[in-house]
Full PDB file with SEQRES, HELIX, SHEET, SSBOND, CRYST1, ORIGX, SCALE, CONECT and MASTER records, all heavy atoms in Angstrom:
SEQRES   1 A   35  LYS TYR CYS ARG ASN LYS ILE ARG LEU ARG VAL PHE PRO          
SEQRES   2 A   35  TYR VAL GLU LYS GLU ILE ASN ASN ARG ALA ALA GLU HIS          
SEQRES   3 A   35  VAL ALA LYS ALA ALA ARG LYS ILE ALA                          
HELIX    1 AA1 CYS A    3  LYS A    6  1                                   4    
HELIX    2 AA2 ILE A    7  VAL A   11  3                                   5    
HELIX    3 AA3 PHE A   12  GLU A   18  1                                   7    
HELIX    4 AA4 ALA A   23  ILE A   34  1                                  12    
CRYST1    1.000    1.000    1.000  90.00  90.00  90.00 P 1           1          
ORIGX1      1.000000  0.000000  0.000000        0.00000                         
ORIGX2      0.000000  1.000000  0.000000        0.00000                         
ORIGX3      0.000000  0.000000  1.000000        0.00000                         
SCALE1      1.000000  0.000000  0.000000        0.00000                         
SCALE2      0.000000  1.000000  0.000000        0.00000                         
SCALE3      0.000000  0.000000  1.000000        0.00000                         
ATOM      1  N   LYS A   1       0.840  -1.203   0.000  1.00  0.00           N  
ATOM      2  CA  LYS A   1       0.000   0.000   0.000  1.00  0.00           C  
ATOM      3  C   LYS A   1       0.877   1.256   0.000  1.00  0.00           C  
ATOM      4  O   LYS A   1       0.408   2.348  -0.313  1.00  0.00           O  
ATOM      5  CB  LYS A   1      -0.947   0.003   1.194  1.00  0.00           C  
ATOM      6  CG  LYS A   1      -0.323   0.364   2.530  1.00  0.00           C  
ATOM      7  CD  LYS A   1      -1.377   0.447   3.633  1.00  0.00           C  
ATOM      8  CE  LYS A   1      -0.765   0.863   4.959  1.00  0.00           C  
ATOM      9  NZ  LYS A   1      -1.765   0.939   6.042  1.00  0.00           N  
ATOM     10  N   TYR A   2       2.163   1.080   0.352  1.00  0.00           N  
ATOM     11  CA  TYR A   2       3.113   2.192   0.318  1.00  0.00           C  
ATOM     12  C   TYR A   2       3.788   2.237  -1.052  1.00  0.00           C  
ATOM     13  O   TYR A   2       4.321   1.230  -1.530  1.00  0.00           O  
ATOM     14  CB  TYR A   2       4.159   2.049   1.417  1.00  0.00           C  
ATOM     15  CG  TYR A   2       3.572   2.047   2.814  1.00  0.00           C  
ATOM     16  CD1 TYR A   2       3.600   0.898   3.601  1.00  0.00           C  
ATOM     17  CD2 TYR A   2       2.979   3.189   3.331  1.00  0.00           C  
ATOM     18  CE1 TYR A   2       3.056   0.891   4.888  1.00  0.00           C  
ATOM     19  CE2 TYR A   2       2.431   3.190   4.609  1.00  0.00           C  
ATOM     20  CZ  TYR A   2       2.472   2.044   5.373  1.00  0.00           C  
ATOM     21  OH  TYR A   2       1.922   2.040   6.635  1.00  0.00           O  
ATOM     22  N   CYS A   3       3.765   3.419  -1.681  1.00  0.00           N  
ATOM     23  CA  CYS A   3       4.257   3.558  -3.060  1.00  0.00           C  
ATOM     24  C   CYS A   3       5.708   3.110  -3.217  1.00  0.00           C  
ATOM     25  O   CYS A   3       6.060   2.427  -4.177  1.00  0.00           O  
ATOM     26  CB  CYS A   3       4.110   5.010  -3.513  1.00  0.00           C  
ATOM     27  SG  CYS A   3       2.404   5.543  -3.696  1.00  0.00           S  
ATOM     28  N   ARG A   4       6.560   3.517  -2.280  1.00  0.00           N  
ATOM     29  CA  ARG A   4       7.975   3.181  -2.412  1.00  0.00           C  
ATOM     30  C   ARG A   4       8.193   1.668  -2.329  1.00  0.00           C  
ATOM     31  O   ARG A   4       9.103   1.140  -2.960  1.00  0.00           O  
ATOM     32  CB  ARG A   4       8.800   3.900  -1.334  1.00  0.00           C  
ATOM     33  CG  ARG A   4       8.848   5.404  -1.560  1.00  0.00           C  
ATOM     34  CD  ARG A   4       9.523   6.110  -0.397  1.00  0.00           C  
ATOM     35  NE  ARG A   4       9.399   7.541  -0.525  1.00  0.00           N  
ATOM     36  CZ  ARG A   4      10.289   8.333  -1.122  1.00  0.00           C  
ATOM     37  NH1 ARG A   4      11.365   7.812  -1.650  1.00  0.00           N  
ATOM     38  NH2 ARG A   4      10.097   9.634  -1.194  1.00  0.00           N  
ATOM     39  N   ASN A   5       7.376   0.993  -1.541  1.00  0.00           N  
ATOM     40  CA  ASN A   5       7.484  -0.466  -1.468  1.00  0.00           C  
ATOM     41  C   ASN A   5       7.168  -1.102  -2.818  1.00  0.00           C  
ATOM     42  O   ASN A   5       7.794  -2.092  -3.218  1.00  0.00           O  
ATOM     43  CB  ASN A   5       6.545  -1.020  -0.405  1.00  0.00           C  
ATOM     44  CG  ASN A   5       7.042  -0.736   1.004  1.00  0.00           C  
ATOM     45  OD1 ASN A   5       8.119  -0.176   1.190  1.00  0.00           O  
ATOM     46  ND2 ASN A   5       6.249  -1.104   1.996  1.00  0.00           N  
ATOM     47  N   LYS A   6       6.187  -0.570  -3.518  1.00  0.00           N  
ATOM     48  CA  LYS A   6       5.853  -1.096  -4.848  1.00  0.00           C  
ATOM     49  C   LYS A   6       7.040  -0.965  -5.797  1.00  0.00           C  
ATOM     50  O   LYS A   6       7.338  -1.878  -6.574  1.00  0.00           O  
ATOM     51  CB  LYS A   6       4.649  -0.360  -5.417  1.00  0.00           C  
ATOM     52  CG  LYS A   6       3.348  -0.620  -4.687  1.00  0.00           C  
ATOM     53  CD  LYS A   6       2.218   0.234  -5.256  1.00  0.00           C  
ATOM     54  CE  LYS A   6       0.945   0.046  -4.464  1.00  0.00           C  
ATOM     55  NZ  LYS A   6      -0.141   0.947  -4.919  1.00  0.00           N  
ATOM     56  N   ILE A   7       7.714   0.185  -5.721  1.00  0.00           N  
ATOM     57  CA  ILE A   7       8.883   0.391  -6.587  1.00  0.00           C  
ATOM     58  C   ILE A   7       9.986  -0.598  -6.233  1.00  0.00           C  
ATOM     59  O   ILE A   7      10.613  -1.197  -7.113  1.00  0.00           O  
ATOM     60  CB  ILE A   7       9.386   1.851  -6.463  1.00  0.00           C  
ATOM     61  CG1 ILE A   7       8.336   2.811  -7.043  1.00  0.00           C  
ATOM     62  CG2 ILE A   7      10.729   2.027  -7.175  1.00  0.00           C  
ATOM     63  CD1 ILE A   7       8.640   4.275  -6.793  1.00  0.00           C  
ATOM     64  N   ARG A   8      10.214  -0.777  -4.920  1.00  0.00           N  
ATOM     65  CA  ARG A   8      11.286  -1.680  -4.488  1.00  0.00           C  
ATOM     66  C   ARG A   8      10.953  -3.144  -4.765  1.00  0.00           C  
ATOM     67  O   ARG A   8      11.814  -3.903  -5.208  1.00  0.00           O  
ATOM     68  CB  ARG A   8      11.553  -1.484  -2.988  1.00  0.00           C  
ATOM     69  CG  ARG A   8      12.742  -2.309  -2.490  1.00  0.00           C  
ATOM     70  CD  ARG A   8      13.041  -2.069  -1.033  1.00  0.00           C  
ATOM     71  NE  ARG A   8      12.028  -2.636  -0.161  1.00  0.00           N  
ATOM     72  CZ  ARG A   8      11.124  -1.933   0.494  1.00  0.00           C  
ATOM     73  NH1 ARG A   8      11.076  -0.619   0.361  1.00  0.00           N  
ATOM     74  NH2 ARG A   8      10.239  -2.519   1.282  1.00  0.00           N  
ATOM     75  N   LEU A   9       9.705  -3.529  -4.528  1.00  0.00           N  
ATOM     76  CA  LEU A   9       9.334  -4.945  -4.599  1.00  0.00           C  
ATOM     77  C   LEU A   9       8.917  -5.403  -5.994  1.00  0.00           C  
ATOM     78  O   LEU A   9       9.043  -6.586  -6.316  1.00  0.00           O  
ATOM     79  CB  LEU A   9       8.190  -5.225  -3.616  1.00  0.00           C  
ATOM     80  CG  LEU A   9       8.503  -4.964  -2.135  1.00  0.00           C  
ATOM     81  CD1 LEU A   9       7.252  -5.107  -1.292  1.00  0.00           C  
ATOM     82  CD2 LEU A   9       9.589  -5.908  -1.636  1.00  0.00           C  
ATOM     83  N   ARG A  10       8.440  -4.465  -6.813  1.00  0.00           N  
ATOM     84  CA  ARG A  10       7.960  -4.866  -8.130  1.00  0.00           C  
ATOM     85  C   ARG A  10       8.781  -4.299  -9.281  1.00  0.00           C  
ATOM     86  O   ARG A  10       9.211  -5.021 -10.172  1.00  0.00           O  
ATOM     87  CB  ARG A  10       6.498  -4.426  -8.306  1.00  0.00           C  
ATOM     88  CG  ARG A  10       5.510  -5.175  -7.428  1.00  0.00           C  
ATOM     89  CD  ARG A  10       4.108  -4.877  -7.898  1.00  0.00           C  
ATOM     90  NE  ARG A  10       3.095  -5.514  -7.077  1.00  0.00           N  
ATOM     91  CZ  ARG A  10       1.814  -5.584  -7.407  1.00  0.00           C  
ATOM     92  NH1 ARG A  10       1.401  -5.031  -8.539  1.00  0.00           N  
ATOM     93  NH2 ARG A  10       0.952  -6.170  -6.617  1.00  0.00           N  
ATOM     94  N   VAL A  11       8.979  -2.970  -9.244  1.00  0.00           N  
ATOM     95  CA  VAL A  11       9.593  -2.316 -10.398  1.00  0.00           C  
ATOM     96  C   VAL A  11      11.048  -2.726 -10.579  1.00  0.00           C  
ATOM     97  O   VAL A  11      11.449  -3.204 -11.654  1.00  0.00           O  
ATOM     98  CB  VAL A  11       9.469  -0.781 -10.286  1.00  0.00           C  
ATOM     99  CG1 VAL A  11      10.192  -0.109 -11.448  1.00  0.00           C  
ATOM    100  CG2 VAL A  11       8.006  -0.365 -10.261  1.00  0.00           C  
ATOM    101  N   PHE A  12      11.866  -2.540  -9.534  1.00  0.00           N  
ATOM    102  CA  PHE A  12      13.295  -2.826  -9.697  1.00  0.00           C  
ATOM    103  C   PHE A  12      13.596  -4.305  -9.939  1.00  0.00           C  
ATOM    104  O   PHE A  12      14.446  -4.620 -10.783  1.00  0.00           O  
ATOM    105  CB  PHE A  12      14.098  -2.277  -8.515  1.00  0.00           C  
ATOM    106  CG  PHE A  12      14.535  -0.855  -8.733  1.00  0.00           C  
ATOM    107  CD1 PHE A  12      14.004   0.166  -7.981  1.00  0.00           C  
ATOM    108  CD2 PHE A  12      15.451  -0.545  -9.723  1.00  0.00           C  
ATOM    109  CE1 PHE A  12      14.379   1.480  -8.204  1.00  0.00           C  
ATOM    110  CE2 PHE A  12      15.844   0.770  -9.951  1.00  0.00           C  
ATOM    111  CZ  PHE A  12      15.296   1.787  -9.193  1.00  0.00           C  
ATOM    112  N   PRO A  13      12.944  -5.246  -9.248  1.00  0.00           N  
ATOM    113  CA  PRO A  13      13.207  -6.649  -9.584  1.00  0.00           C  
ATOM    114  C   PRO A  13      12.920  -6.968 -11.053  1.00  0.00           C  
ATOM    115  O   PRO A  13      13.691  -7.700 -11.700  1.00  0.00           O  
ATOM    116  CB  PRO A  13      12.247  -7.410  -8.659  1.00  0.00           C  
ATOM    117  CG  PRO A  13      12.103  -6.515  -7.481  1.00  0.00           C  
ATOM    118  CD  PRO A  13      12.097  -5.124  -8.050  1.00  0.00           C  
ATOM    119  N   TYR A  14      11.856  -6.412 -11.599  1.00  0.00           N  
ATOM    120  CA  TYR A  14      11.531  -6.659 -13.008  1.00  0.00           C  
ATOM    121  C   TYR A  14      12.591  -6.046 -13.926  1.00  0.00           C  
ATOM    122  O   TYR A  14      13.096  -6.692 -14.840  1.00  0.00           O  
ATOM    123  CB  TYR A  14      10.159  -6.081 -13.338  1.00  0.00           C  
ATOM    124  CG  TYR A  14       9.802  -6.226 -14.807  1.00  0.00           C  
ATOM    125  CD1 TYR A  14       9.257  -7.412 -15.292  1.00  0.00           C  
ATOM    126  CD2 TYR A  14      10.045  -5.189 -15.703  1.00  0.00           C  
ATOM    127  CE1 TYR A  14       8.960  -7.555 -16.636  1.00  0.00           C  
ATOM    128  CE2 TYR A  14       9.753  -5.317 -17.045  1.00  0.00           C  
ATOM    129  CZ  TYR A  14       9.208  -6.510 -17.516  1.00  0.00           C  
ATOM    130  OH  TYR A  14       8.929  -6.655 -18.850  1.00  0.00           O  
ATOM    131  N   VAL A  15      12.915  -4.777 -13.658  1.00  0.00           N  
ATOM    132  CA  VAL A  15      13.885  -4.071 -14.507  1.00  0.00           C  
ATOM    133  C   VAL A  15      15.246  -4.754 -14.451  1.00  0.00           C  
ATOM    134  O   VAL A  15      15.913  -4.933 -15.487  1.00  0.00           O  
ATOM    135  CB  VAL A  15      13.993  -2.597 -14.071  1.00  0.00           C  
ATOM    136  CG1 VAL A  15      15.151  -1.905 -14.802  1.00  0.00           C  
ATOM    137  CG2 VAL A  15      12.685  -1.864 -14.348  1.00  0.00           C  
ATOM    138  N   GLU A  16      15.680  -5.145 -13.251  1.00  0.00           N  
ATOM    139  CA  GLU A  16      16.998  -5.772 -13.122  1.00  0.00           C  
ATOM    140  C   GLU A  16      17.039  -7.158 -13.768  1.00  0.00           C  
ATOM    141  O   GLU A  16      18.087  -7.599 -14.236  1.00  0.00           O  
ATOM    142  CB  GLU A  16      17.375  -5.844 -11.634  1.00  0.00           C  
ATOM    143  CG  GLU A  16      17.701  -4.460 -11.065  1.00  0.00           C  
ATOM    144  CD  GLU A  16      17.910  -4.456  -9.568  1.00  0.00           C  
ATOM    145  OE1 GLU A  16      17.529  -5.454  -8.916  1.00  0.00           O  
ATOM    146  OE2 GLU A  16      18.441  -3.452  -9.053  1.00  0.00           O  
ATOM    147  N   LYS A  17      15.896  -7.822 -13.818  1.00  0.00           N  
ATOM    148  CA  LYS A  17      15.842  -9.130 -14.459  1.00  0.00           C  
ATOM    149  C   LYS A  17      15.728  -9.015 -15.973  1.00  0.00           C  
ATOM    150  O   LYS A  17      16.412  -9.735 -16.714  1.00  0.00           O  
ATOM    151  CB  LYS A  17      14.654  -9.923 -13.906  1.00  0.00           C  
ATOM    152  CG  LYS A  17      14.511 -11.316 -14.536  1.00  0.00           C  
ATOM    153  CD  LYS A  17      13.296 -12.044 -13.981  1.00  0.00           C  
ATOM    154  CE  LYS A  17      13.127 -13.411 -14.666  1.00  0.00           C  
ATOM    155  NZ  LYS A  17      11.911 -14.118 -14.185  1.00  0.00           N  
ATOM    156  N   GLU A  18      14.903  -8.089 -16.445  1.00  0.00           N  
ATOM    157  CA  GLU A  18      14.571  -8.028 -17.862  1.00  0.00           C  
ATOM    158  C   GLU A  18      15.397  -7.029 -18.669  1.00  0.00           C  
ATOM    159  O   GLU A  18      15.487  -7.138 -19.893  1.00  0.00           O  
ATOM    160  CB  GLU A  18      13.080  -7.683 -18.025  1.00  0.00           C  
ATOM    161  CG  GLU A  18      12.139  -8.686 -17.380  1.00  0.00           C  
ATOM    162  CD  GLU A  18      12.158 -10.035 -18.078  1.00  0.00           C  
ATOM    163  OE1 GLU A  18      12.528 -10.080 -19.275  1.00  0.00           O  
ATOM    164  OE2 GLU A  18      11.807 -11.044 -17.433  1.00  0.00           O  
ATOM    165  N   ILE A  19      15.976  -6.018 -17.986  1.00  0.00           N  
ATOM    166  CA  ILE A  19      16.655  -4.947 -18.736  1.00  0.00           C  
ATOM    167  C   ILE A  19      18.127  -4.815 -18.355  1.00  0.00           C  
ATOM    168  O   ILE A  19      19.002  -4.934 -19.207  1.00  0.00           O  
ATOM    169  CB  ILE A  19      15.930  -3.600 -18.533  1.00  0.00           C  
ATOM    170  CG1 ILE A  19      14.483  -3.713 -19.028  1.00  0.00           C  
ATOM    171  CG2 ILE A  19      16.655  -2.462 -19.263  1.00  0.00           C  
ATOM    172  CD1 ILE A  19      13.635  -2.487 -18.792  1.00  0.00           C  
ATOM    173  N   ASN A  20      18.419  -4.570 -17.081  1.00  0.00           N  
ATOM    174  CA  ASN A  20      19.815  -4.372 -16.672  1.00  0.00           C  
ATOM    175  C   ASN A  20      19.926  -4.710 -15.189  1.00  0.00           C  
ATOM    176  O   ASN A  20      19.225  -4.120 -14.358  1.00  0.00           O  
ATOM    177  CB  ASN A  20      20.243  -2.916 -16.918  1.00  0.00           C  
ATOM    178  CG  ASN A  20      21.744  -2.720 -16.735  1.00  0.00           C  
ATOM    179  OD1 ASN A  20      22.296  -3.066 -15.699  1.00  0.00           O  
ATOM    180  ND2 ASN A  20      22.402  -2.143 -17.734  1.00  0.00           N  
ATOM    181  N   ASN A  21      20.819  -5.641 -14.859  1.00  0.00           N  
ATOM    182  CA  ASN A  21      20.907  -6.084 -13.469  1.00  0.00           C  
ATOM    183  C   ASN A  21      21.584  -5.064 -12.552  1.00  0.00           C  
ATOM    184  O   ASN A  21      21.681  -5.278 -11.345  1.00  0.00           O  
ATOM    185  CB  ASN A  21      21.620  -7.438 -13.378  1.00  0.00           C  
ATOM    186  CG  ASN A  21      23.054  -7.373 -13.882  1.00  0.00           C  
ATOM    187  OD1 ASN A  21      23.538  -6.318 -14.275  1.00  0.00           O  
ATOM    188  ND2 ASN A  21      23.723  -8.511 -13.890  1.00  0.00           N  
ATOM    189  N   ARG A  22      22.060  -3.954 -13.126  1.00  0.00           N  
ATOM    190  CA  ARG A  22      22.639  -2.877 -12.317  1.00  0.00           C  
ATOM    191  C   ARG A  22      21.784  -1.609 -12.419  1.00  0.00           C  
ATOM    192  O   ARG A  22      22.269  -0.495 -12.287  1.00  0.00           O  
ATOM    193  CB  ARG A  22      24.071  -2.591 -12.766  1.00  0.00           C  
ATOM    194  CG  ARG A  22      25.013  -3.781 -12.564  1.00  0.00           C  
ATOM    195  CD  ARG A  22      26.363  -3.546 -13.211  1.00  0.00           C  
ATOM    196  NE  ARG A  22      27.065  -2.422 -12.618  1.00  0.00           N  
ATOM    197  CZ  ARG A  22      28.166  -1.868 -13.148  1.00  0.00           C  
ATOM    198  NH1 ARG A  22      28.669  -2.348 -14.285  1.00  0.00           N  
ATOM    199  NH2 ARG A  22      28.750  -0.853 -12.550  1.00  0.00           N  
ATOM    200  N   ALA A  23      20.492  -1.802 -12.637  1.00  0.00           N  
ATOM    201  CA  ALA A  23      19.603  -0.666 -12.877  1.00  0.00           C  
ATOM    202  C   ALA A  23      19.612   0.325 -11.711  1.00  0.00           C  
ATOM    203  O   ALA A  23      19.701   1.543 -11.912  1.00  0.00           O  
ATOM    204  CB  ALA A  23      18.179  -1.160 -13.125  1.00  0.00           C  
ATOM    205  N   ALA A  24      19.514  -0.164 -10.469  1.00  0.00           N  
ATOM    206  CA  ALA A  24      19.481   0.734  -9.311  1.00  0.00           C  
ATOM    207  C   ALA A  24      20.764   1.558  -9.218  1.00  0.00           C  
ATOM    208  O   ALA A  24      20.725   2.764  -8.947  1.00  0.00           O  
ATOM    209  CB  ALA A  24      19.273  -0.068  -8.025  1.00  0.00           C  
ATOM    210  N   GLU A  25      21.890   0.908  -9.458  1.00  0.00           N  
ATOM    211  CA  GLU A  25      23.174   1.614  -9.429  1.00  0.00           C  
ATOM    212  C   GLU A  25      23.214   2.707 -10.482  1.00  0.00           C  
ATOM    213  O   GLU A  25      23.667   3.833 -10.230  1.00  0.00           O  
ATOM    214  CB  GLU A  25      24.312   0.606  -9.661  1.00  0.00           C  
ATOM    215  CG  GLU A  25      25.692   1.241  -9.728  1.00  0.00           C  
ATOM    216  CD  GLU A  25      26.761   0.245 -10.157  1.00  0.00           C  
ATOM    217  OE1 GLU A  25      26.473  -0.977 -10.166  1.00  0.00           O  
ATOM    218  OE2 GLU A  25      27.880   0.688 -10.479  1.00  0.00           O  
ATOM    219  N   HIS A  26      22.724   2.395 -11.686  1.00  0.00           N  
ATOM    220  CA  HIS A  26      22.768   3.376 -12.776  1.00  0.00           C  
ATOM    221  C   HIS A  26      21.822   4.544 -12.525  1.00  0.00           C  
ATOM    222  O   HIS A  26      22.155   5.698 -12.842  1.00  0.00           O  
ATOM    223  CB  HIS A  26      22.434   2.691 -14.107  1.00  0.00           C  
ATOM    224  CG  HIS A  26      23.493   1.725 -14.540  1.00  0.00           C  
ATOM    225  ND1 HIS A  26      23.294   0.790 -15.521  1.00  0.00           N  
ATOM    226  CD2 HIS A  26      24.774   1.556 -14.124  1.00  0.00           C  
ATOM    227  CE1 HIS A  26      24.389   0.076 -15.697  1.00  0.00           C  
ATOM    228  NE2 HIS A  26      25.300   0.523 -14.845  1.00  0.00           N  
ATOM    229  N   VAL A  27      20.653   4.266 -11.967  1.00  0.00           N  
ATOM    230  CA  VAL A  27      19.726   5.347 -11.638  1.00  0.00           C  
ATOM    231  C   VAL A  27      20.350   6.264 -10.580  1.00  0.00           C  
ATOM    232  O   VAL A  27      20.253   7.489 -10.668  1.00  0.00           O  
ATOM    233  CB  VAL A  27      18.373   4.789 -11.143  1.00  0.00           C  
ATOM    234  CG1 VAL A  27      17.491   5.913 -10.605  1.00  0.00           C  
ATOM    235  CG2 VAL A  27      17.648   4.057 -12.265  1.00  0.00           C  
ATOM    236  N   ALA A  28      21.004   5.690  -9.582  1.00  0.00           N  
ATOM    237  CA  ALA A  28      21.652   6.484  -8.531  1.00  0.00           C  
ATOM    238  C   ALA A  28      22.770   7.348  -9.110  1.00  0.00           C  
ATOM    239  O   ALA A  28      22.943   8.511  -8.722  1.00  0.00           O  
ATOM    240  CB  ALA A  28      22.193   5.572  -7.439  1.00  0.00           C  
ATOM    241  N   LYS A  29      23.539   6.790 -10.048  1.00  0.00           N  
ATOM    242  CA  LYS A  29      24.608   7.565 -10.697  1.00  0.00           C  
ATOM    243  C   LYS A  29      24.023   8.713 -11.510  1.00  0.00           C  
ATOM    244  O   LYS A  29      24.552   9.836 -11.504  1.00  0.00           O  
ATOM    245  CB  LYS A  29      25.450   6.654 -11.595  1.00  0.00           C  
ATOM    246  CG  LYS A  29      26.425   5.773 -10.840  1.00  0.00           C  
ATOM    247  CD  LYS A  29      27.279   4.961 -11.807  1.00  0.00           C  
ATOM    248  CE  LYS A  29      28.298   4.110 -11.038  1.00  0.00           C  
ATOM    249  NZ  LYS A  29      29.122   3.283 -11.960  1.00  0.00           N  
ATOM    250  N   ALA A  30      22.925   8.441 -12.213  1.00  0.00           N  
ATOM    251  CA  ALA A  30      22.259   9.497 -12.981  1.00  0.00           C  
ATOM    252  C   ALA A  30      21.788  10.610 -12.049  1.00  0.00           C  
ATOM    253  O   ALA A  30      21.884  11.797 -12.376  1.00  0.00           O  
ATOM    254  CB  ALA A  30      21.082   8.922 -13.763  1.00  0.00           C  
ATOM    255  N   ALA A  31      21.299  10.221 -10.884  1.00  0.00           N  
ATOM    256  CA  ALA A  31      20.836  11.211  -9.898  1.00  0.00           C  
ATOM    257  C   ALA A  31      21.983  12.112  -9.459  1.00  0.00           C  
ATOM    258  O   ALA A  31      21.802  13.328  -9.289  1.00  0.00           O  
ATOM    259  CB  ALA A  31      20.214  10.513  -8.692  1.00  0.00           C  
ATOM    260  N   ARG A  32      23.169  11.523  -9.260  1.00  0.00           N  
ATOM    261  CA  ARG A  32      24.320  12.333  -8.842  1.00  0.00           C  
ATOM    262  C   ARG A  32      24.675  13.352  -9.918  1.00  0.00           C  
ATOM    263  O   ARG A  32      25.013  14.501  -9.622  1.00  0.00           O  
ATOM    264  CB  ARG A  32      25.525  11.444  -8.540  1.00  0.00           C  
ATOM    265  CG  ARG A  32      25.407  10.688  -7.230  1.00  0.00           C  
ATOM    266  CD  ARG A  32      26.738  10.150  -6.758  1.00  0.00           C  
ATOM    267  NE  ARG A  32      27.252   9.093  -7.612  1.00  0.00           N  
ATOM    268  CZ  ARG A  32      26.942   7.811  -7.477  1.00  0.00           C  
ATOM    269  NH1 ARG A  32      26.093   7.429  -6.529  1.00  0.00           N  
ATOM    270  NH2 ARG A  32      27.461   6.910  -8.280  1.00  0.00           N  
ATOM    271  N   LYS A  33      24.599  12.958 -11.177  1.00  0.00           N  
ATOM    272  CA  LYS A  33      24.903  13.884 -12.282  1.00  0.00           C  
ATOM    273  C   LYS A  33      23.855  14.988 -12.364  1.00  0.00           C  
ATOM    274  O   LYS A  33      24.184  16.164 -12.558  1.00  0.00           O  
ATOM    275  CB  LYS A  33      24.964  13.120 -13.608  1.00  0.00           C  
ATOM    276  CG  LYS A  33      26.119  12.138 -13.704  1.00  0.00           C  
ATOM    277  CD  LYS A  33      26.045  11.324 -14.985  1.00  0.00           C  
ATOM    278  CE  LYS A  33      27.156  10.285 -15.036  1.00  0.00           C  
ATOM    279  NZ  LYS A  33      27.054   9.423 -16.250  1.00  0.00           N  
ATOM    280  N   ILE A  34      22.583  14.601 -12.205  1.00  0.00           N  
ATOM    281  CA  ILE A  34      21.510  15.599 -12.222  1.00  0.00           C  
ATOM    282  C   ILE A  34      21.688  16.566 -11.053  1.00  0.00           C  
ATOM    283  O   ILE A  34      21.486  17.778 -11.198  1.00  0.00           O  
ATOM    284  CB  ILE A  34      20.130  14.911 -12.153  1.00  0.00           C  
ATOM    285  CG1 ILE A  34      19.877  14.095 -13.423  1.00  0.00           C  
ATOM    286  CG2 ILE A  34      19.017  15.937 -11.960  1.00  0.00           C  
ATOM    287  CD1 ILE A  34      18.649  13.200 -13.346  1.00  0.00           C  
ATOM    288  N   ALA A  35      22.090  16.034  -9.896  1.00  0.00           N  
ATOM    289  CA  ALA A  35      22.290  16.882  -8.713  1.00  0.00           C  
ATOM    290  C   ALA A  35      23.369  17.928  -8.963  1.00  0.00           C  
ATOM    291  O   ALA A  35      23.217  19.101  -8.590  1.00  0.00           O  
ATOM    292  CB  ALA A  35      22.658  16.024  -7.509  1.00  0.00           C  
TER     293      ALA A  35                                                      
MASTER        0    0    0    4    0    0    0    6  292    1    0    3          
END                                                                             
């Protein structure tokens, strides 16, 4: 029921399995550049 839990439990596992297994790391790096 908490939005962030949905992202952690559903979105990232799918993305890391189907697209890139380092997705969370890459998003965090992109955030540092945007910052």
